[in-house]
Amino acid sequence: MAMKTIGFAVSEKDLAALDELAEYFADGNRSAYLRQTIKIMKSVKHAEELRKIQAYGAQRSAESGITVDDITTICRRVLKGRE
């Protein structure tokens, strides 16, 4: 994996927390800790996006009068049409 060194600033008050977390999660390696954190935060971002999509779908379903049982029926009908 190609690596590129970048610089970023951390406030003095956050430096101790960064070092503590890097020690705990990455044997003191800040770069390894940051790589792990990126993966986790991407998962958090995807979960938030999915929650928004789910809320939108629930709102649209409610506005259309579609129930959860209706969704199951609609999905089965659509999937059956693909066979």
PDB file of N, CA and C in Angstrom:
ATOM      1  N   MET A   1       0.852  -1.169   0.000  1.00  0.00           N
ATOM      2  CA  MET A   1       0.000   0.000   0.000  1.00  0.00           C
ATOM      3  C   MET A   1       0.899   1.233   0.000  1.00  0.00           C
ATOM      4  N   ALA A   2       0.670   2.130  -0.940  1.00  0.00           N
ATOM      5  CA  ALA A   2       1.452   3.363  -1.007  1.00  0.00           C
ATOM      6  C   ALA A   2       1.022   4.296   0.116  1.00  0.00           C
ATOM      7  N   MET A   3       1.967   4.920   0.736  1.00  0.00           N
ATOM      8  CA  MET A   3       1.687   5.843   1.835  1.00  0.00           C
ATOM      9  C   MET A   3       2.167   7.228   1.447  1.00  0.00           C
ATOM     10  N   LYS A   4       1.474   8.219   1.945  1.00  0.00           N
ATOM     11  CA  LYS A   4       1.881   9.596   1.756  1.00  0.00           C
ATOM     12  C   LYS A   4       1.863  10.270   3.117  1.00  0.00           C
ATOM     13  N   THR A   5       2.934  10.929   3.455  1.00  0.00           N
ATOM     14  CA  THR A   5       3.002  11.637   4.724  1.00  0.00           C
ATOM     15  C   THR A   5       2.312  12.986   4.572  1.00  0.00           C
ATOM     16  N   ILE A   6       1.428  13.274   5.515  1.00  0.00           N
ATOM     17  CA  ILE A   6       0.732  14.564   5.532  1.00  0.00           C
ATOM     18  C   ILE A   6       0.894  15.162   6.923  1.00  0.00           C
ATOM     19  N   GLY A   7       0.727  16.445   7.015  1.00  0.00           N
ATOM     20  CA  GLY A   7       0.781  17.096   8.319  1.00  0.00           C
ATOM     21  C   GLY A   7      -0.595  17.571   8.723  1.00  0.00           C
ATOM     22  N   PHE A   8      -0.867  17.526   9.997  1.00  0.00           N
ATOM     23  CA  PHE A   8      -2.104  18.104  10.501  1.00  0.00           C
ATOM     24  C   PHE A   8      -1.863  18.599  11.913  1.00  0.00           C
ATOM     25  N   ALA A   9      -2.648  19.547  12.314  1.00  0.00           N
ATOM     26  CA  ALA A   9      -2.464  20.184  13.624  1.00  0.00           C
ATOM     27  C   ALA A   9      -3.403  19.570  14.653  1.00  0.00           C
ATOM     28  N   VAL A  10      -2.881  19.432  15.855  1.00  0.00           N
ATOM     29  CA  VAL A  10      -3.663  18.956  16.999  1.00  0.00           C
ATOM     30  C   VAL A  10      -3.412  19.938  18.132  1.00  0.00           C
ATOM     31  N   SER A  11      -4.487  20.373  18.771  1.00  0.00           N
ATOM     32  CA  SER A  11      -4.309  21.318  19.872  1.00  0.00           C
ATOM     33  C   SER A  11      -3.584  20.644  21.027  1.00  0.00           C
ATOM     34  N   GLU A  12      -2.933  21.456  21.823  1.00  0.00           N
ATOM     35  CA  GLU A  12      -2.206  20.937  22.988  1.00  0.00           C
ATOM     36  C   GLU A  12      -3.123  20.127  23.899  1.00  0.00           C
ATOM     37  N   LYS A  13      -4.356  20.604  24.072  1.00  0.00           N
ATOM     38  CA  LYS A  13      -5.274  19.908  24.976  1.00  0.00           C
ATOM     39  C   LYS A  13      -5.708  18.551  24.419  1.00  0.00           C
ATOM     40  N   ASP A  14      -5.666  18.372  23.084  1.00  0.00           N
ATOM     41  CA  ASP A  14      -6.057  17.095  22.480  1.00  0.00           C
ATOM     42  C   ASP A  14      -4.889  16.137  22.305  1.00  0.00           C
ATOM     43  N   LEU A  15      -3.671  16.624  22.432  1.00  0.00           N
ATOM     44  CA  LEU A  15      -2.498  15.796  22.194  1.00  0.00           C
ATOM     45  C   LEU A  15      -2.415  14.620  23.163  1.00  0.00           C
ATOM     46  N   ALA A  16      -2.710  14.851  24.421  1.00  0.00           N
ATOM     47  CA  ALA A  16      -2.666  13.759  25.405  1.00  0.00           C
ATOM     48  C   ALA A  16      -3.704  12.688  25.075  1.00  0.00           C
ATOM     49  N   ALA A  17      -4.889  13.114  24.666  1.00  0.00           N
ATOM     50  CA  ALA A  17      -5.935  12.158  24.303  1.00  0.00           C
ATOM     51  C   ALA A  17      -5.533  11.376  23.059  1.00  0.00           C
ATOM     52  N   LEU A  18      -4.949  12.067  22.087  1.00  0.00           N
ATOM     53  CA  LEU A  18      -4.478  11.391  20.878  1.00  0.00           C
ATOM     54  C   LEU A  18      -3.431  10.338  21.230  1.00  0.00           C
ATOM     55  N   ASP A  19      -2.475  10.719  22.050  1.00  0.00           N
ATOM     56  CA  ASP A  19      -1.434   9.769  22.432  1.00  0.00           C
ATOM     57  C   ASP A  19      -2.009   8.582  23.206  1.00  0.00           C
ATOM     58  N   GLU A  20      -2.954   8.852  24.085  1.00  0.00           N
ATOM     59  CA  GLU A  20      -3.588   7.777  24.855  1.00  0.00           C
ATOM     60  C   GLU A  20      -4.311   6.800  23.931  1.00  0.00           C
ATOM     61  N   LEU A  21      -5.084   7.352  22.995  1.00  0.00           N
ATOM     62  CA  LEU A  21      -5.832   6.502  22.071  1.00  0.00           C
ATOM     63  C   LEU A  21      -4.906   5.749  21.121  1.00  0.00           C
ATOM     64  N   ALA A  22      -3.880   6.431  20.637  1.00  0.00           N
ATOM     65  CA  ALA A  22      -2.914   5.773  19.752  1.00  0.00           C
ATOM     66  C   ALA A  22      -2.210   4.638  20.485  1.00  0.00           C
ATOM     67  N   GLU A  23      -1.877   4.860  21.737  1.00  0.00           N
ATOM     68  CA  GLU A  23      -1.227   3.808  22.524  1.00  0.00           C
ATOM     69  C   GLU A  23      -2.160   2.617  22.704  1.00  0.00           C
ATOM     70  N   TYR A  24      -3.400   2.891  23.037  1.00  0.00           N
ATOM     71  CA  TYR A  24      -4.369   1.825  23.312  1.00  0.00           C
ATOM     72  C   TYR A  24      -4.719   1.027  22.059  1.00  0.00           C
ATOM     73  N   PHE A  25      -5.009   1.743  20.963  1.00  0.00           N
ATOM     74  CA  PHE A  25      -5.507   1.079  19.761  1.00  0.00           C
ATOM     75  C   PHE A  25      -4.428   0.703  18.752  1.00  0.00           C
ATOM     76  N   ALA A  26      -3.257   1.344  18.819  1.00  0.00           N
ATOM     77  CA  ALA A  26      -2.269   1.131  17.753  1.00  0.00           C
ATOM     78  C   ALA A  26      -0.844   1.074  18.290  1.00  0.00           C
ATOM     79  N   ASP A  27      -0.684   0.612  19.511  1.00  0.00           N
ATOM     80  CA  ASP A  27       0.653   0.483  20.102  1.00  0.00           C
ATOM     81  C   ASP A  27       1.457   1.781  20.008  1.00  0.00           C
ATOM     82  N   GLY A  28       0.779   2.911  20.141  1.00  0.00           N
ATOM     83  CA  GLY A  28       1.447   4.206  20.134  1.00  0.00           C
ATOM     84  C   GLY A  28       1.691   4.800  18.761  1.00  0.00           C
ATOM     85  N   ASN A  29       1.308   4.098  17.719  1.00  0.00           N
ATOM     86  CA  ASN A  29       1.530   4.565  16.358  1.00  0.00           C
ATOM     87  C   ASN A  29       0.364   5.458  15.925  1.00  0.00           C
ATOM     88  N   ARG A  30       0.613   6.754  15.875  1.00  0.00           N
ATOM     89  CA  ARG A  30      -0.452   7.703  15.531  1.00  0.00           C
ATOM     90  C   ARG A  30      -0.980   7.476  14.119  1.00  0.00           C
ATOM     91  N   SER A  31      -0.094   7.159  13.191  1.00  0.00           N
ATOM     92  CA  SER A  31      -0.530   6.935  11.809  1.00  0.00           C
ATOM     93  C   SER A  31      -1.453   5.725  11.717  1.00  0.00           C
ATOM     94  N   ALA A  32      -1.078   4.648  12.390  1.00  0.00           N
ATOM     95  CA  ALA A  32      -1.925   3.452  12.391  1.00  0.00           C
ATOM     96  C   ALA A  32      -3.262   3.752  13.054  1.00  0.00           C
ATOM     97  N   TYR A  33      -3.221   4.536  14.130  1.00  0.00           N
ATOM     98  CA  TYR A  33      -4.465   4.922  14.800  1.00  0.00           C
ATOM     99  C   TYR A  33      -5.355   5.724  13.855  1.00  0.00           C
ATOM    100  N   LEU A  34      -4.782   6.665  13.126  1.00  0.00           N
ATOM    101  CA  LEU A  34      -5.566   7.476  12.191  1.00  0.00           C
ATOM    102  C   LEU A  34      -6.172   6.597  11.103  1.00  0.00           C
ATOM    103  N   ARG A  35      -5.430   5.652  10.586  1.00  0.00           N
ATOM    104  CA  ARG A  35      -5.981   4.754   9.563  1.00  0.00           C
ATOM    105  C   ARG A  35      -7.167   3.967  10.118  1.00  0.00           C
ATOM    106  N   GLN A  36      -7.051   3.489  11.356  1.00  0.00           N
ATOM    107  CA  GLN A  36      -8.165   2.757  11.974  1.00  0.00           C
ATOM    108  C   GLN A  36      -9.370   3.677  12.164  1.00  0.00           C
ATOM    109  N   THR A  37      -9.102   4.897  12.590  1.00  0.00           N
ATOM    110  CA  THR A  37     -10.177   5.863  12.842  1.00  0.00           C
ATOM    111  C   THR A  37     -10.916   6.208  11.549  1.00  0.00           C
ATOM    112  N   ILE A  38     -10.187   6.329  10.454  1.00  0.00           N
ATOM    113  CA  ILE A  38     -10.818   6.628   9.170  1.00  0.00           C
ATOM    114  C   ILE A  38     -11.828   5.548   8.813  1.00  0.00           C
ATOM    115  N   LYS A  39     -11.441   4.276   8.972  1.00  0.00           N
ATOM    116  CA  LYS A  39     -12.364   3.179   8.663  1.00  0.00           C
ATOM    117  C   LYS A  39     -13.628   3.262   9.524  1.00  0.00           C
ATOM    118  N   ILE A  40     -13.432   3.526  10.808  1.00  0.00           N
ATOM    119  CA  ILE A  40     -14.574   3.597  11.719  1.00  0.00           C
ATOM    120  C   ILE A  40     -15.483   4.769  11.371  1.00  0.00           C
ATOM    121  N   MET A  41     -14.897   5.918  11.109  1.00  0.00           N
ATOM    122  CA  MET A  41     -15.706   7.101  10.805  1.00  0.00           C
ATOM    123  C   MET A  41     -16.428   6.958   9.465  1.00  0.00           C
ATOM    124  N   LYS A  42     -15.844   6.243   8.522  1.00  0.00           N
ATOM    125  CA  LYS A  42     -16.556   5.968   7.271  1.00  0.00           C
ATOM    126  C   LYS A  42     -17.787   5.117   7.555  1.00  0.00           C
ATOM    127  N   SER A  43     -17.658   4.148   8.454  1.00  0.00           N
ATOM    128  CA  SER A  43     -18.803   3.319   8.835  1.00  0.00           C
ATOM    129  C   SER A  43     -19.885   4.164   9.501  1.00  0.00           C
ATOM    130  N   VAL A  44     -19.479   5.083  10.368  1.00  0.00           N
ATOM    131  CA  VAL A  44     -20.426   5.980  11.024  1.00  0.00           C
ATOM    132  C   VAL A  44     -21.147   6.837   9.978  1.00  0.00           C
ATOM    133  N   LYS A  45     -20.389   7.361   9.023  1.00  0.00           N
ATOM    134  CA  LYS A  45     -20.974   8.179   7.948  1.00  0.00           C
ATOM    135  C   LYS A  45     -21.999   7.375   7.153  1.00  0.00           C
ATOM    136  N   HIS A  46     -21.652   6.147   6.781  1.00  0.00           N
ATOM    137  CA  HIS A  46     -22.587   5.318   6.022  1.00  0.00           C
ATOM    138  C   HIS A  46     -23.841   5.014   6.837  1.00  0.00           C
ATOM    139  N   ALA A  47     -23.680   4.751   8.122  1.00  0.00           N
ATOM    140  CA  ALA A  47     -24.839   4.474   8.972  1.00  0.00           C
ATOM    141  C   ALA A  47     -25.760   5.687   9.051  1.00  0.00           C
ATOM    142  N   GLU A  48     -25.177   6.883   9.173  1.00  0.00           N
ATOM    143  CA  GLU A  48     -25.992   8.103   9.220  1.00  0.00           C
ATOM    144  C   GLU A  48     -26.719   8.317   7.897  1.00  0.00           C
ATOM    145  N   GLU A  49     -26.033   8.062   6.788  1.00  0.00           N
ATOM    146  CA  GLU A  49     -26.674   8.214   5.482  1.00  0.00           C
ATOM    147  C   GLU A  49     -27.832   7.228   5.325  1.00  0.00           C
ATOM    148  N   LEU A  50     -27.634   5.991   5.768  1.00  0.00           N
ATOM    149  CA  LEU A  50     -28.696   4.996   5.686  1.00  0.00           C
ATOM    150  C   LEU A  50     -29.883   5.364   6.574  1.00  0.00           C
ATOM    151  N   ARG A  51     -29.596   5.929   7.766  1.00  0.00           N
ATOM    152  CA  ARG A  51     -30.704   6.375   8.639  1.00  0.00           C
ATOM    153  C   ARG A  51     -31.532   7.463   7.957  1.00  0.00           C
ATOM    154  N   LYS A  52     -30.843   8.384   7.283  1.00  0.00           N
ATOM    155  CA  LYS A  52     -31.561   9.446   6.574  1.00  0.00           C
ATOM    156  C   LYS A  52     -32.419   8.879   5.449  1.00  0.00           C
ATOM    157  N   ILE A  53     -31.860   7.925   4.707  1.00  0.00           N
ATOM    158  CA  ILE A  53     -32.613   7.294   3.625  1.00  0.00           C
ATOM    159  C   ILE A  53     -33.814   6.540   4.185  1.00  0.00           C
ATOM    160  N   GLN A  54     -33.612   5.836   5.289  1.00  0.00           N
ATOM    161  CA  GLN A  54     -34.703   5.100   5.911  1.00  0.00           C
ATOM    162  C   GLN A  54     -35.799   6.051   6.386  1.00  0.00           C
ATOM    163  N   ALA A  55     -35.421   7.163   6.993  1.00  0.00           N
ATOM    164  CA  ALA A  55     -36.407   8.143   7.454  1.00  0.00           C
ATOM    165  C   ALA A  55     -37.174   8.718   6.271  1.00  0.00           C
ATOM    166  N   TYR A  56     -36.463   8.993   5.181  1.00  0.00           N
ATOM    167  CA  TYR A  56     -37.129   9.510   3.972  1.00  0.00           C
ATOM    168  C   TYR A  56     -38.132   8.482   3.447  1.00  0.00           C
ATOM    169  N   GLY A  57     -37.696   7.223   3.376  1.00  0.00           N
ATOM    170  CA  GLY A  57     -38.595   6.169   2.899  1.00  0.00           C
ATOM    171  C   GLY A  57     -39.812   6.003   3.797  1.00  0.00           C
ATOM    172  N   ALA A  58     -39.597   6.074   5.104  1.00  0.00           N
ATOM    173  CA  ALA A  58     -40.716   5.947   6.043  1.00  0.00           C
ATOM    174  C   ALA A  58     -41.694   7.103   5.879  1.00  0.00           C
ATOM    175  N   GLN A  59     -41.161   8.302   5.686  1.00  0.00           N
ATOM    176  CA  GLN A  59     -42.027   9.469   5.485  1.00  0.00           C
ATOM    177  C   GLN A  59     -42.835   9.327   4.198  1.00  0.00           C
ATOM    178  N   ARG A  60     -42.161   8.948   3.120  1.00  0.00           N
ATOM    179  CA  ARG A  60     -42.854   8.800   1.836  1.00  0.00           C
ATOM    180  C   ARG A  60     -43.902   7.690   1.898  1.00  0.00           C
ATOM    181  N   SER A  61     -43.560   6.596   2.577  1.00  0.00           N
ATOM    182  CA  SER A  61     -44.520   5.500   2.721  1.00  0.00           C
ATOM    183  C   SER A  61     -45.750   5.954   3.496  1.00  0.00           C
ATOM    184  N   ALA A  62     -45.524   6.680   4.583  1.00  0.00           N
ATOM    185  CA  ALA A  62     -46.638   7.169   5.393  1.00  0.00           C
ATOM    186  C   ALA A  62     -47.513   8.121   4.585  1.00  0.00           C
ATOM    187  N   GLU A  63     -46.877   8.997   3.813  1.00  0.00           N
ATOM    188  CA  GLU A  63     -47.640   9.940   2.984  1.00  0.00           C
ATOM    189  C   GLU A  63     -48.470   9.213   1.932  1.00  0.00           C
ATOM    190  N   SER A  64     -47.963   8.075   1.457  1.00  0.00           N
ATOM    191  CA  SER A  64     -48.657   7.307   0.426  1.00  0.00           C
ATOM    192  C   SER A  64     -49.616   6.277   1.010  1.00  0.00           C
ATOM    193  N   GLY A  65     -49.590   6.130   2.328  1.00  0.00           N
ATOM    194  CA  GLY A  65     -50.467   5.156   2.966  1.00  0.00           C
ATOM    195  C   GLY A  65     -49.989   3.723   2.817  1.00  0.00           C
ATOM    196  N   ILE A  66     -48.702   3.538   2.577  1.00  0.00           N
ATOM    197  CA  ILE A  66     -48.140   2.196   2.401  1.00  0.00           C
ATOM    198  C   ILE A  66     -47.647   1.685   3.759  1.00  0.00           C
ATOM    199  N   THR A  67     -48.037   0.457   4.098  1.00  0.00           N
ATOM    200  CA  THR A  67     -47.610  -0.153   5.360  1.00  0.00           C
ATOM    201  C   THR A  67     -46.425  -1.087   5.115  1.00  0.00           C
ATOM    202  N   VAL A  68     -45.842  -1.575   6.204  1.00  0.00           N
ATOM    203  CA  VAL A  68     -44.744  -2.534   6.092  1.00  0.00           C
ATOM    204  C   VAL A  68     -45.209  -3.787   5.366  1.00  0.00           C
ATOM    205  N   ASP A  69     -46.418  -4.237   5.655  1.00  0.00           N
ATOM    206  CA  ASP A  69     -46.958  -5.422   4.970  1.00  0.00           C
ATOM    207  C   ASP A  69     -47.105  -5.159   3.475  1.00  0.00           C
ATOM    208  N   ASP A  70     -47.498  -3.934   3.118  1.00  0.00           N
ATOM    209  CA  ASP A  70     -47.609  -3.580   1.703  1.00  0.00           C
ATOM    210  C   ASP A  70     -46.248  -3.646   1.016  1.00  0.00           C
ATOM    211  N   ILE A  71     -45.227  -3.215   1.703  1.00  0.00           N
ATOM    212  CA  ILE A  71     -43.879  -3.217   1.127  1.00  0.00           C
ATOM    213  C   ILE A  71     -43.448  -4.647   0.826  1.00  0.00           C
ATOM    214  N   THR A  72     -43.722  -5.565   1.735  1.00  0.00           N
ATOM    215  CA  THR A  72     -43.380  -6.970   1.507  1.00  0.00           C
ATOM    216  C   THR A  72     -44.106  -7.495   0.277  1.00  0.00           C
ATOM    217  N   THR A  73     -45.379  -7.188   0.164  1.00  0.00           N
ATOM    218  CA  THR A  73     -46.170  -7.634  -0.971  1.00  0.00           C
ATOM    219  C   THR A  73     -45.645  -7.040  -2.275  1.00  0.00           C
ATOM    220  N   ILE A  74     -45.333  -5.757  -2.262  1.00  0.00           N
ATOM    221  CA  ILE A  74     -44.816  -5.086  -3.455  1.00  0.00           C
ATOM    222  C   ILE A  74     -43.474  -5.702  -3.868  1.00  0.00           C
ATOM    223  N   CYS A  75     -42.600  -5.927  -2.912  1.00  0.00           N
ATOM    224  CA  CYS A  75     -41.285  -6.520  -3.217  1.00  0.00           C
ATOM    225  C   CYS A  75     -41.432  -7.911  -3.819  1.00  0.00           C
ATOM    226  N   ARG A  76     -42.293  -8.712  -3.243  1.00  0.00           N
ATOM    227  CA  ARG A  76     -42.521 -10.065  -3.790  1.00  0.00           C
ATOM    228  C   ARG A  76     -43.068  -9.996  -5.215  1.00  0.00           C
ATOM    229  N   ARG A  77     -43.975  -9.066  -5.456  1.00  0.00           N
ATOM    230  CA  ARG A  77     -44.548  -8.922  -6.789  1.00  0.00           C
ATOM    231  C   ARG A  77     -43.475  -8.499  -7.794  1.00  0.00           C
ATOM    232  N   VAL A  78     -42.635  -7.546  -7.420  1.00  0.00           N
ATOM    233  CA  VAL A  78     -41.589  -7.083  -8.321  1.00  0.00           C
ATOM    234  C   VAL A  78     -40.567  -8.189  -8.576  1.00  0.00           C
ATOM    235  N   LEU A  79     -40.146  -8.866  -7.508  1.00  0.00           N
ATOM    236  CA  LEU A  79     -39.157  -9.937  -7.680  1.00  0.00           C
ATOM    237  C   LEU A  79     -39.710 -11.094  -8.477  1.00  0.00           C
ATOM    238  N   LYS A  80     -40.971 -11.397  -8.311  1.00  0.00           N
ATOM    239  CA  LYS A  80     -41.608 -12.476  -9.069  1.00  0.00           C
ATOM    240  C   LYS A  80     -41.628 -12.145 -10.554  1.00  0.00           C
ATOM    241  N   GLY A  81     -41.800 -10.873 -10.871  1.00  0.00           N
ATOM    242  CA  GLY A  81     -41.815 -10.444 -12.267  1.00  0.00           C
ATOM    243  C   GLY A  81     -40.465 -10.578 -12.959  1.00  0.00           C
ATOM    244  N   ARG A  82     -39.405 -10.715 -12.179  1.00  0.00           N
ATOM    245  CA  ARG A  82     -38.053 -10.850 -12.759  1.00  0.00           C
ATOM    246  C   ARG A  82     -37.742 -12.290 -13.141  1.00  0.00           C
ATOM    247  N   GLU A  83     -38.494 -13.228 -12.627  1.00  0.00           N
ATOM    248  CA  GLU A  83     -38.197 -14.644 -12.889  1.00  0.00           C
ATOM    249  C   GLU A  83     -38.535 -15.029 -14.298  1.00  0.00           C
TER     250      GLU A  83
END
